[in-house]
């Protein structure tokens, strides 16, 4: 992802109004120490030292959207009780529009109390209503959608199966999305996704996708089969299946599939990560982003969320900072051959598709840059093999290179499209290719596939060769000739 584009997206967030529809709840955390066992029963005694109330369920989605910078309205039904009052008060303090929250005296406002000690949950206590909302309150919700649905650029459905999202409510939401031409993004639950027919995109996790499709997902083939079934049955534009440590997989109706690897990090708590994915996906789509851009952004945000305890928000600054780690100083990108193989092996374990190309790149010019950008687009990570000074002299004569290998390496490493640079001293990069074993081997369009060094090695394990055309008229030789003509 391009940092500048992400920054622009979040700058547009203030112009977005999002409607969150779903089950609201409070998440209460009791933080304490558990150093002894009760004399009354074989259970831990927790000495509570801090209490914390957070928005949960659809409330956590709204909270994330507020943190991302957009305007938020919540549409739901809660109880006419103390927890409902607390919920409204928290929303009001964050500037959330609560005109769409209706109070039913016959329901309980959901509250989940978690007791946490030594960074682990000891027990969770649930107090809630699970029965469907009454017909009277269903009409209140659908009437709100009919009158105010046109105010929003995106609708997000957060379903926790607590009764707010009845068949009538869901039908009204999807009708509003179609009527006003806005995306409807759904975090689904249950085993029957037919109730979400009319949604733009669903964001289930792997277990939820297994339950809904009836397909056990244990490899990529079964994952695709489950996704195709859900896409076909629900007539979705897209489906995003989150896969924990394996990242995310995006499936679009046209048959396009994108697997997005997760970034390795320490996981403290997955609570609310799905809410973060829903919020970021919704905002990105509302800002005009495509499904893949939105999914990649959501993947970054989810990785940040699981590094926090409890239901937590993720901010634009955190996301931009995380993406910014890809834009490293050039020194960090230049590697010796004896370390690059292990680095690339680790990147492959994370699911990265590795691209390799090589060359002299003496007197860097726009033709080089365009070639390298095109090569990088063929995978997730690119390693560039750079001919050493001695190697260049053997290939191009004693007057070359014009620029030394260290300077050339730093110039190339400064390009965002290049992840690693490795200087090699041989006439060909064959040994480097054998050490890295890239998925895609790229050379210029003046080659034939048969003439590419390393082709047989790469194809032997299922990789491929790609030829990329150079920009016409752009070459180091032409630049040298032009300089000599003007200044000799």
Protein backbone atom coordinates (compact mmCIF):
# COMPACT_ATOMS: atom_id res chain seq x y z
CA UNK A 1 0.00 0.00 0.00
CA UNK A 2 1.09 3.52 -0.75
CA UNK A 3 1.40 5.62 2.38
CA UNK A 4 0.36 8.79 0.56
CA UNK A 5 -2.86 7.19 -0.69
CA UNK A 6 -3.72 5.93 2.79
CA UNK A 7 -3.14 9.38 4.24
CA UNK A 8 -5.44 10.83 1.57
CA UNK A 9 -8.09 8.26 2.40
CA UNK A 10 -8.13 9.21 6.06
CA UNK A 11 -8.20 12.88 5.11
CA UNK A 12 -11.47 12.17 3.26
CA UNK A 13 -12.91 10.34 6.27
CA UNK A 14 -14.22 13.56 7.83
CA UNK A 15 -16.57 13.89 4.84
CA UNK A 16 -18.06 10.42 5.40
CA UNK A 17 -21.19 9.61 7.39
CA UNK A 18 -21.59 5.94 8.31
CA UNK A 19 -24.68 4.17 9.64
CA UNK A 20 -24.02 1.23 11.96
CA UNK A 21 -26.93 -1.20 12.38
CA UNK A 22 -26.80 -4.10 14.82
CA UNK A 23 -26.57 -5.43 18.35
CA UNK A 24 -25.23 -2.98 20.91
CA UNK A 25 -23.55 -4.04 24.11
CA UNK A 26 -21.29 -2.87 26.89
CA UNK A 27 -17.99 -4.61 27.54
CA UNK A 28 -17.01 -4.33 31.19
CA UNK A 29 -13.47 -5.25 32.20
CA UNK A 30 -12.44 -5.95 35.77
CA UNK A 31 -8.63 -5.89 35.90
CA UNK A 32 -6.96 -7.44 38.91
CA UNK A 33 -4.43 -9.78 40.46
CA UNK A 34 -4.96 -13.48 41.11
CA UNK A 35 -2.36 -14.56 43.67
CA UNK A 36 -4.37 -16.95 45.85
CA UNK A 37 -7.03 -19.65 45.88
CA UNK A 38 -10.34 -19.16 47.67
CA UNK A 39 -10.78 -21.15 50.94
CA UNK A 40 -14.46 -21.55 49.99
CA UNK A 41 -13.95 -23.35 46.68
CA UNK A 42 -11.03 -24.33 44.38
CA UNK A 43 -11.18 -21.07 42.41
CA UNK A 44 -8.89 -18.09 42.05
CA UNK A 45 -9.51 -14.96 44.10
CA UNK A 46 -9.18 -11.85 41.93
CA UNK A 47 -8.34 -8.60 43.68
CA UNK A 48 -9.85 -5.98 41.37
CA UNK A 49 -7.63 -2.93 40.96
CA UNK A 50 -9.26 -1.26 37.95
CA UNK A 51 -12.60 -1.25 36.17
CA UNK A 52 -13.20 -0.31 32.57
CA UNK A 53 -16.38 0.10 30.48
CA UNK A 54 -16.07 -0.09 26.70
CA UNK A 55 -18.45 -0.19 23.76
CA UNK A 56 -18.94 -3.72 22.43
CA UNK A 57 -20.66 -5.36 19.48
CA UNK A 58 -21.96 -2.81 17.01
CA UNK A 59 -20.82 -0.19 19.51
CA UNK A 60 -17.21 -1.19 18.98
CA UNK A 61 -17.69 -0.81 15.22
CA UNK A 62 -19.05 2.70 15.81
CA UNK A 63 -16.19 3.46 18.19
CA UNK A 64 -13.63 2.41 15.59
CA UNK A 65 -15.31 4.56 12.95
CA UNK A 66 -15.19 7.58 15.26
CA UNK A 67 -11.48 6.94 15.86
CA UNK A 68 -10.95 6.74 12.09
CA UNK A 69 -12.43 10.22 11.74
CA UNK A 70 -15.88 9.83 10.18
CA UNK A 71 -19.36 10.78 11.38
CA UNK A 72 -21.39 7.93 12.86
CA UNK A 73 -25.06 7.19 13.51
CA UNK A 74 -26.12 4.05 15.36
CA UNK A 75 -29.41 2.23 14.65
CA UNK A 76 -30.44 -0.38 17.21
CA UNK A 77 -32.80 -1.41 20.02
CA UNK A 78 -31.65 -1.59 23.65
CA UNK A 79 -33.29 -1.96 27.05
CA UNK A 80 -34.75 0.90 29.07
CA UNK A 81 -32.31 0.19 31.90
CA UNK A 82 -29.20 1.48 33.63
CA UNK A 83 -26.86 -0.16 31.12
CA UNK A 84 -28.79 1.48 28.30
CA UNK A 85 -28.30 4.87 29.97
CA UNK A 86 -24.57 4.23 30.29
CA UNK A 87 -24.43 3.20 26.63
CA UNK A 88 -26.11 6.40 25.46
CA UNK A 89 -23.85 8.49 27.69
CA UNK A 90 -20.69 6.90 26.25
CA UNK A 91 -21.93 7.43 22.69
CA UNK A 92 -22.82 11.06 23.36
CA UNK A 93 -19.35 11.69 24.74
CA UNK A 94 -17.88 10.51 21.44
CA UNK A 95 -20.17 12.60 19.26
CA UNK A 96 -22.14 9.62 17.93
CA UNK A 97 -25.68 10.32 16.71
CA UNK A 98 -28.02 8.24 18.91
CA UNK A 99 -31.34 9.25 17.34
CA UNK A 100 -31.62 5.74 15.92
CA UNK A 101 -31.31 3.98 19.31
CA UNK A 102 -34.74 2.89 20.55
CA UNK A 103 -35.45 1.70 24.09
CA UNK A 104 -37.67 -1.32 24.71
CA UNK A 105 -38.66 -1.71 28.39
CA UNK A 106 -39.10 -5.45 27.86
CA UNK A 107 -35.45 -5.99 26.77
CA UNK A 108 -32.12 -5.97 28.59
CA UNK A 109 -29.19 -3.96 27.31
CA UNK A 110 -26.42 -6.47 26.64
CA UNK A 111 -23.46 -6.35 29.00
CA UNK A 112 -20.49 -8.71 29.04
CA UNK A 113 -18.28 -8.59 32.11
CA UNK A 114 -14.77 -9.98 31.74
CA UNK A 115 -12.51 -10.60 34.71
CA UNK A 116 -8.86 -10.30 33.66
CA UNK A 117 -5.74 -11.18 35.66
CA UNK A 118 -2.15 -11.63 34.47
CA UNK A 119 -3.25 -10.63 30.94
CA UNK A 120 -5.73 -13.53 30.78
CA UNK A 121 -9.49 -13.73 31.05
CA UNK A 122 -10.53 -15.66 34.14
CA UNK A 123 -14.27 -15.66 33.50
CA UNK A 124 -16.90 -13.87 31.42
CA UNK A 125 -20.41 -13.05 32.65
CA UNK A 126 -23.16 -12.27 30.09
CA UNK A 127 -26.37 -10.37 30.79
CA UNK A 128 -28.51 -9.88 27.69
CA UNK A 129 -31.69 -10.44 25.68
CA UNK A 130 -31.49 -12.77 22.67
CA UNK A 131 -35.08 -12.90 21.42
CA UNK A 132 -36.01 -11.03 18.22
CA UNK A 133 -37.22 -7.45 18.63
CA UNK A 134 -40.99 -6.94 18.56
CA UNK A 135 -42.88 -5.89 15.45
CA UNK A 136 -43.40 -2.39 16.88
CA UNK A 137 -39.67 -1.81 17.27
CA UNK A 138 -38.93 -3.40 13.92
CA UNK A 139 -41.17 -0.75 12.36
CA UNK A 140 -39.32 2.01 14.25
CA UNK A 141 -36.03 0.79 12.81
CA UNK A 142 -37.29 0.39 9.24
CA UNK A 143 -39.01 3.78 9.37
CA UNK A 144 -35.69 5.38 10.38
CA UNK A 145 -34.01 3.75 7.38
CA UNK A 146 -36.70 4.94 5.01
CA UNK A 147 -36.44 8.55 6.16
CA UNK A 148 -32.71 8.94 6.80
CA UNK A 149 -30.95 6.25 4.77
CA UNK A 150 -29.93 8.74 2.10
CA UNK A 151 -27.72 10.69 4.53
CA UNK A 152 -24.97 8.05 4.58
CA UNK A 153 -22.15 6.89 2.33
CA UNK A 154 -21.95 3.40 3.82
CA UNK A 155 -24.04 1.08 6.01
CA UNK A 156 -22.33 -1.42 8.30
CA UNK A 157 -24.20 -4.39 9.78
CA UNK A 158 -22.78 -5.88 12.97
CA UNK A 159 -24.70 -9.06 13.74
CA UNK A 160 -24.21 -10.78 17.11
CA UNK A 161 -27.50 -12.71 16.90
CA UNK A 162 -29.06 -10.81 19.81
CA UNK A 163 -32.34 -10.16 18.00
CA UNK A 164 -32.03 -6.65 16.56
CA UNK A 165 -31.32 -7.79 12.99
CA UNK A 166 -34.63 -9.43 12.19
CA UNK A 167 -35.57 -10.46 8.67
CA UNK A 168 -37.59 -7.25 8.29
CA UNK A 169 -34.73 -5.04 9.47
CA UNK A 170 -32.20 -6.71 7.17
CA UNK A 171 -34.55 -6.44 4.19
CA UNK A 172 -34.98 -2.73 4.88
CA UNK A 173 -31.23 -2.18 5.18
CA UNK A 174 -30.48 -3.87 1.86
CA UNK A 175 -33.34 -2.00 0.19
CA UNK A 176 -31.88 1.28 1.47
CA UNK A 177 -28.44 0.38 0.17
CA UNK A 178 -29.85 -0.37 -3.27
CA UNK A 179 -32.11 2.68 -3.29
CA UNK A 180 -29.40 5.14 -2.34
CA UNK A 181 -26.54 3.39 -4.15
CA UNK A 182 -24.32 2.88 -1.11
CA UNK A 183 -22.30 -0.18 -0.04
CA UNK A 184 -23.64 -2.43 2.73
CA UNK A 185 -20.84 -4.24 4.58
CA UNK A 186 -21.82 -7.12 6.86
CA UNK A 187 -20.05 -8.95 9.68
CA UNK A 188 -22.27 -12.07 9.63
CA UNK A 189 -23.20 -14.73 12.15
CA UNK A 190 -25.11 -18.02 12.11
CA UNK A 191 -25.41 -20.84 9.61
CA UNK A 192 -27.79 -19.26 7.10
CA UNK A 193 -26.33 -16.41 5.09
CA UNK A 194 -29.41 -16.19 2.87
CA UNK A 195 -30.67 -13.56 5.28
CA UNK A 196 -27.84 -11.31 4.06
CA UNK A 197 -28.79 -11.57 0.38
CA UNK A 198 -28.44 -8.06 -0.99
CA UNK A 199 -25.25 -7.18 0.91
CA UNK A 200 -22.26 -5.75 -0.93
CA UNK A 201 -19.63 -7.76 0.95
CA UNK A 202 -19.55 -10.14 3.93
CA UNK A 203 -16.55 -10.40 6.30
CA UNK A 204 -16.81 -13.78 8.09
CA UNK A 205 -13.90 -15.48 9.78
CA UNK A 206 -12.85 -18.96 8.70
CA UNK A 207 -15.00 -20.80 11.25
CA UNK A 208 -18.06 -18.74 10.37
CA UNK A 209 -17.50 -19.39 6.65
CA UNK A 210 -17.24 -23.13 7.34
CA UNK A 211 -20.52 -23.15 9.25
CA UNK A 212 -22.39 -21.12 6.65
CA UNK A 213 -21.07 -22.99 3.60
CA UNK A 214 -20.99 -26.47 5.11
CA UNK A 215 -17.44 -26.85 3.71
CA UNK A 216 -14.57 -27.74 6.03
CA UNK A 217 -11.74 -25.34 5.21
CA UNK A 218 -8.36 -27.03 5.63
CA UNK A 219 -6.50 -25.94 2.49
CA UNK A 220 -6.69 -23.39 -0.30
CA UNK A 221 -8.84 -25.63 -2.50
CA UNK A 222 -11.53 -26.04 0.16
CA UNK A 223 -11.31 -22.33 0.98
CA UNK A 224 -12.07 -21.45 -2.63
CA UNK A 225 -14.93 -23.98 -2.73
CA UNK A 226 -16.53 -22.47 0.38
CA UNK A 227 -16.12 -18.95 -0.96
CA UNK A 228 -17.63 -19.80 -4.35
CA UNK A 229 -20.62 -21.37 -2.65
CA UNK A 230 -21.25 -18.33 -0.46
CA UNK A 231 -20.72 -15.88 -3.30
CA UNK A 232 -23.14 -17.74 -5.54
CA UNK A 233 -25.87 -18.33 -3.00
CA UNK A 234 -25.93 -14.79 -1.62
CA UNK A 235 -25.25 -12.95 -4.91
CA UNK A 236 -22.51 -10.90 -3.26
CA UNK A 237 -20.15 -8.52 -5.01
CA UNK A 238 -17.33 -9.72 -2.78
CA UNK A 239 -16.48 -11.92 0.21
CA UNK A 240 -13.62 -11.37 2.66
CA UNK A 241 -12.71 -14.39 4.80
CA UNK A 242 -10.40 -13.60 7.71
CA UNK A 243 -8.06 -16.51 8.53
CA UNK A 244 -6.28 -15.56 11.76
CA UNK A 245 -2.52 -16.07 11.41
CA UNK A 246 -2.94 -16.90 7.71
CA UNK A 247 -4.21 -13.43 6.90
CA UNK A 248 -7.25 -12.74 4.74
CA UNK A 249 -8.63 -13.96 1.43
CA UNK A 250 -10.71 -11.69 -0.80
CA UNK A 251 -13.04 -13.20 -3.37
CA UNK A 252 -14.84 -11.07 -5.93
CA UNK A 253 -17.83 -12.06 -7.99
CA UNK A 254 -15.87 -11.96 -11.24
CA UNK A 255 -13.71 -14.85 -10.02
CA UNK A 256 -10.80 -12.74 -8.81
CA UNK A 257 -9.05 -13.95 -5.65
CA UNK A 258 -6.46 -12.11 -3.55
CA UNK A 259 -4.71 -13.72 -0.58
CA UNK A 260 -3.36 -11.15 1.88
CA UNK A 261 -0.76 -12.46 4.34
CA UNK A 262 -0.79 -11.26 7.91
CA UNK A 263 2.15 -9.41 9.41
CA UNK A 264 3.86 -11.44 12.13
CA UNK A 265 3.25 -9.87 15.54
CA UNK A 266 2.44 -10.88 19.11
CA UNK A 267 -1.26 -11.57 19.67
CA UNK A 268 -2.72 -10.52 23.02
CA UNK A 269 -6.47 -10.63 22.40
CA UNK A 270 -8.60 -11.24 19.29
CA UNK A 271 -11.70 -9.71 20.95
CA UNK A 272 -13.22 -7.12 18.63
CA UNK A 273 -10.80 -7.68 15.75
CA UNK A 274 -13.74 -8.48 13.47
CA UNK A 275 -15.32 -5.14 14.43
CA UNK A 276 -12.13 -3.36 13.41
CA UNK A 277 -12.09 -5.17 10.05
CA UNK A 278 -15.73 -4.20 9.43
CA UNK A 279 -15.11 -0.53 10.31
CA UNK A 280 -12.01 -0.14 8.15
CA UNK A 281 -13.54 -2.01 5.21
CA UNK A 282 -16.64 0.18 5.38
CA UNK A 283 -14.72 3.43 5.59
CA UNK A 284 -12.34 2.54 2.77
CA UNK A 285 -15.22 1.60 0.46
CA UNK A 286 -17.11 4.77 1.39
CA UNK A 287 -14.02 6.81 0.48
CA UNK A 288 -13.97 5.27 -2.98
CA UNK A 289 -11.42 2.52 -2.42
CA UNK A 290 -11.69 -0.82 -4.19
CA UNK A 291 -12.25 -4.13 -2.45
CA UNK A 292 -8.56 -5.09 -2.48
CA UNK A 293 -7.36 -1.73 -1.16
CA UNK A 294 -10.01 -1.86 1.58
CA UNK A 295 -9.09 -5.44 2.51
CA UNK A 296 -5.36 -4.69 2.72
CA UNK A 297 -6.05 -1.70 4.94
CA UNK A 298 -8.35 -3.81 7.14
CA UNK A 299 -5.63 -6.45 7.40
CA UNK A 300 -3.17 -3.89 8.76
CA UNK A 301 -5.77 -2.58 11.23
CA UNK A 302 -6.68 -6.07 12.45
CA UNK A 303 -3.02 -6.82 13.09
CA UNK A 304 -2.81 -3.76 15.30
CA UNK A 305 -6.07 -4.59 17.10
CA UNK A 306 -5.00 -8.09 18.17
CA UNK A 307 -1.92 -6.58 19.80
CA UNK A 308 -4.18 -4.86 22.35
CA UNK A 309 -6.12 -6.29 25.27
CA UNK A 310 -9.91 -6.21 25.02
CA UNK A 311 -12.16 -4.42 22.56
CA UNK A 312 -10.00 -1.58 21.34
CA UNK A 313 -9.93 1.08 18.66
CA UNK A 314 -7.31 1.48 15.95
CA UNK A 315 -6.38 4.99 14.86
CA UNK A 316 -5.28 6.38 11.48
CA UNK A 317 -1.92 7.30 13.00
CA UNK A 318 -1.33 3.68 14.06
CA UNK A 319 -2.27 2.36 10.62
CA UNK A 320 -0.15 4.91 8.75
CA UNK A 321 2.77 4.27 11.07
CA UNK A 322 2.46 0.52 10.49
CA UNK A 323 2.37 1.00 6.73
CA UNK A 324 5.27 3.41 7.03
CA UNK A 325 7.47 0.58 8.23
CA UNK A 326 7.52 -0.59 4.62
CA UNK A 327 9.34 2.61 3.66
CA UNK A 328 12.63 1.78 5.33
CA UNK A 329 15.94 3.59 5.06
CA UNK A 330 18.05 2.35 2.17
CA UNK A 331 20.71 0.92 4.49
CA UNK A 332 18.19 -1.55 5.89
CA UNK A 333 17.33 -2.85 2.43
CA UNK A 334 20.84 -3.70 1.23
CA UNK A 335 21.79 -7.25 2.24
CA UNK A 336 24.68 -9.61 1.77
CA UNK A 337 24.00 -12.92 0.08
CA UNK A 338 24.68 -14.89 3.26
CA UNK A 339 21.67 -13.34 5.03
CA UNK A 340 19.19 -12.75 2.21
CA UNK A 341 18.21 -16.41 1.83
CA UNK A 342 16.99 -16.73 5.42
CA UNK A 343 15.18 -13.38 5.22
CA UNK A 344 13.34 -14.42 2.08
CA UNK A 345 12.51 -17.84 3.54
CA UNK A 346 10.81 -16.07 6.45
CA UNK A 347 8.91 -13.77 4.08
CA UNK A 348 7.68 -16.83 2.17
CA UNK A 349 6.44 -18.40 5.40
CA UNK A 350 4.33 -15.27 5.87
CA UNK A 351 2.77 -15.89 2.47
CA UNK A 352 4.74 -13.32 0.44
CA UNK A 353 5.08 -13.87 -3.31
CA UNK A 354 8.73 -13.10 -4.08
CA UNK A 355 9.80 -11.41 -7.33
CA UNK A 356 13.43 -11.29 -8.51
CA UNK A 357 15.12 -9.25 -11.19
CA UNK A 358 18.70 -8.21 -11.82
CA UNK A 359 20.86 -5.82 -13.77
CA UNK A 360 23.60 -3.18 -13.73
CA UNK A 361 21.30 -0.15 -13.36
CA UNK A 362 24.19 2.18 -14.09
CA UNK A 363 23.02 5.81 -14.29
CA UNK A 364 19.46 5.22 -13.03
CA UNK A 365 16.77 6.66 -15.32
CA UNK A 366 12.99 6.64 -15.82
CA UNK A 367 13.13 3.53 -17.99
CA UNK A 368 14.70 1.63 -15.08
CA UNK A 369 12.11 2.96 -12.63
CA UNK A 370 9.11 2.04 -14.79
CA UNK A 371 10.55 -1.42 -15.37
CA UNK A 372 11.11 -1.99 -11.65
CA UNK A 373 7.65 -0.73 -10.70
CA UNK A 374 6.07 -3.11 -13.21
CA UNK A 375 8.18 -6.00 -11.93
CA UNK A 376 7.18 -5.27 -8.31
CA UNK A 377 3.48 -5.36 -9.25
CA UNK A 378 3.86 -9.05 -10.10
CA UNK A 379 4.23 -10.08 -6.44
CA UNK A 380 4.34 -8.93 -2.83
CA UNK A 381 8.08 -8.40 -2.39
CA UNK A 382 10.98 -7.80 -4.77
CA UNK A 383 14.66 -8.66 -4.49
CA UNK A 384 17.01 -6.96 -6.92
CA UNK A 385 20.31 -8.58 -7.80
CA UNK A 386 22.81 -5.83 -8.63
CA UNK A 387 25.93 -6.49 -10.69
CA UNK A 388 29.10 -5.50 -8.82
CA UNK A 389 31.58 -3.04 -10.38
CA UNK A 390 33.80 -5.92 -11.49
CA UNK A 391 30.88 -7.74 -13.03
CA UNK A 392 29.76 -4.60 -14.91
CA UNK A 393 33.26 -4.07 -16.32
CA UNK A 394 33.34 -7.61 -17.66
CA UNK A 395 29.93 -7.14 -19.27
CA UNK A 396 30.15 -3.54 -20.55
CA UNK A 397 33.84 -2.68 -20.78
CA UNK A 398 36.49 -0.95 -18.72
CA UNK A 399 34.81 2.47 -18.83
CA UNK A 400 31.78 1.21 -16.95
CA UNK A 401 30.18 1.50 -14.48
CA UNK A 402 29.79 5.26 -14.30
CA UNK A 403 28.47 4.96 -10.74
CA UNK A 404 29.98 2.63 -8.14
CA UNK A 405 28.14 -0.38 -6.78
CA UNK A 406 27.51 1.08 -3.32
CA UNK A 407 25.97 4.28 -4.73
CA UNK A 408 23.91 2.27 -7.22
CA UNK A 409 22.68 0.03 -4.42
CA UNK A 410 21.55 2.97 -2.27
CA UNK A 411 19.81 4.70 -5.16
CA UNK A 412 17.85 1.54 -5.95
CA UNK A 413 17.09 0.79 -2.29
CA UNK A 414 15.53 4.25 -1.99
CA UNK A 415 12.77 3.13 -4.41
CA UNK A 416 9.56 1.96 -2.70
CA UNK A 417 9.12 -0.80 -5.28
CA UNK A 418 12.32 -2.53 -4.12
CA UNK A 419 12.40 -4.46 -0.85
CA UNK A 420 15.97 -5.82 -0.88
CA UNK A 421 19.12 -5.23 -2.91
CA UNK A 422 21.89 -7.84 -3.12
CA UNK A 423 25.18 -7.15 -4.92
CA UNK A 424 26.58 -10.17 -6.78
CA UNK A 425 30.02 -10.53 -8.38
CA UNK A 426 29.37 -13.30 -10.93
CA UNK A 427 28.56 -12.65 -14.58
CA UNK A 428 25.03 -14.03 -14.04
CA UNK A 429 22.72 -14.10 -11.00
CA UNK A 430 22.20 -17.87 -11.18
CA UNK A 431 23.62 -18.61 -7.72
CA UNK A 432 21.54 -15.82 -6.19
CA UNK A 433 18.39 -17.14 -7.86
CA UNK A 434 19.13 -20.63 -6.53
CA UNK A 435 19.51 -19.22 -3.01
CA UNK A 436 16.36 -17.08 -3.08
CA UNK A 437 14.08 -19.33 -5.17
CA UNK A 438 11.67 -16.57 -6.25
CA UNK A 439 8.16 -17.25 -7.48
CA UNK A 440 8.54 -14.77 -10.36
CA UNK A 441 11.74 -14.14 -12.32
CA UNK A 442 11.58 -10.90 -14.32
CA UNK A 443 13.73 -9.74 -17.24
CA UNK A 444 13.41 -7.10 -19.96
CA UNK A 445 11.37 -7.51 -23.10
CA UNK A 446 14.53 -7.74 -25.21
CA UNK A 447 14.99 -11.28 -23.86
CA UNK A 448 13.23 -14.48 -24.87
CA UNK A 449 12.04 -16.81 -22.08
CA UNK A 450 14.57 -19.41 -23.19
CA UNK A 451 17.40 -16.92 -22.84
CA UNK A 452 16.68 -15.89 -19.26
CA UNK A 453 19.31 -17.13 -16.81
CA UNK A 454 17.66 -19.11 -14.01
CA UNK A 455 14.49 -19.97 -15.96
CA UNK A 456 14.93 -23.72 -15.56
CA UNK A 457 15.60 -23.36 -11.84
CA UNK A 458 12.49 -21.24 -11.22
CA UNK A 459 10.19 -23.36 -13.38
CA UNK A 460 11.42 -26.56 -11.69
CA UNK A 461 9.54 -25.70 -8.48
CA UNK A 462 6.48 -24.09 -10.09
CA UNK A 463 7.70 -20.50 -10.55
CA UNK A 464 7.50 -18.53 -13.76
CA UNK A 465 9.40 -16.07 -15.97
CA UNK A 466 7.86 -12.69 -16.87
CA UNK A 467 9.21 -10.35 -19.55
CA UNK A 468 8.63 -6.61 -19.04
CA UNK A 469 9.04 -4.12 -21.86
CA UNK A 470 11.38 -1.17 -21.37
CA UNK A 471 10.37 2.43 -22.08
CA UNK A 472 11.31 3.20 -25.69
CA UNK A 473 14.31 5.46 -26.13
CA UNK A 474 15.34 5.40 -22.47
CA UNK A 475 18.73 3.83 -21.83
CA UNK A 476 22.04 4.58 -20.14
CA UNK A 477 23.80 4.43 -23.52
CA UNK A 478 21.49 7.10 -24.96
CA UNK A 479 22.11 9.34 -21.95
CA UNK A 480 25.89 8.95 -22.30
CA UNK A 481 25.70 9.73 -26.04
CA UNK A 482 23.57 12.81 -25.34
CA UNK A 483 26.06 14.10 -22.75
CA UNK A 484 29.01 13.54 -25.05
CA UNK A 485 27.24 15.31 -27.90
CA UNK A 486 26.38 18.36 -25.79
CA UNK A 487 29.58 18.74 -23.79
CA UNK A 488 32.45 17.25 -25.80
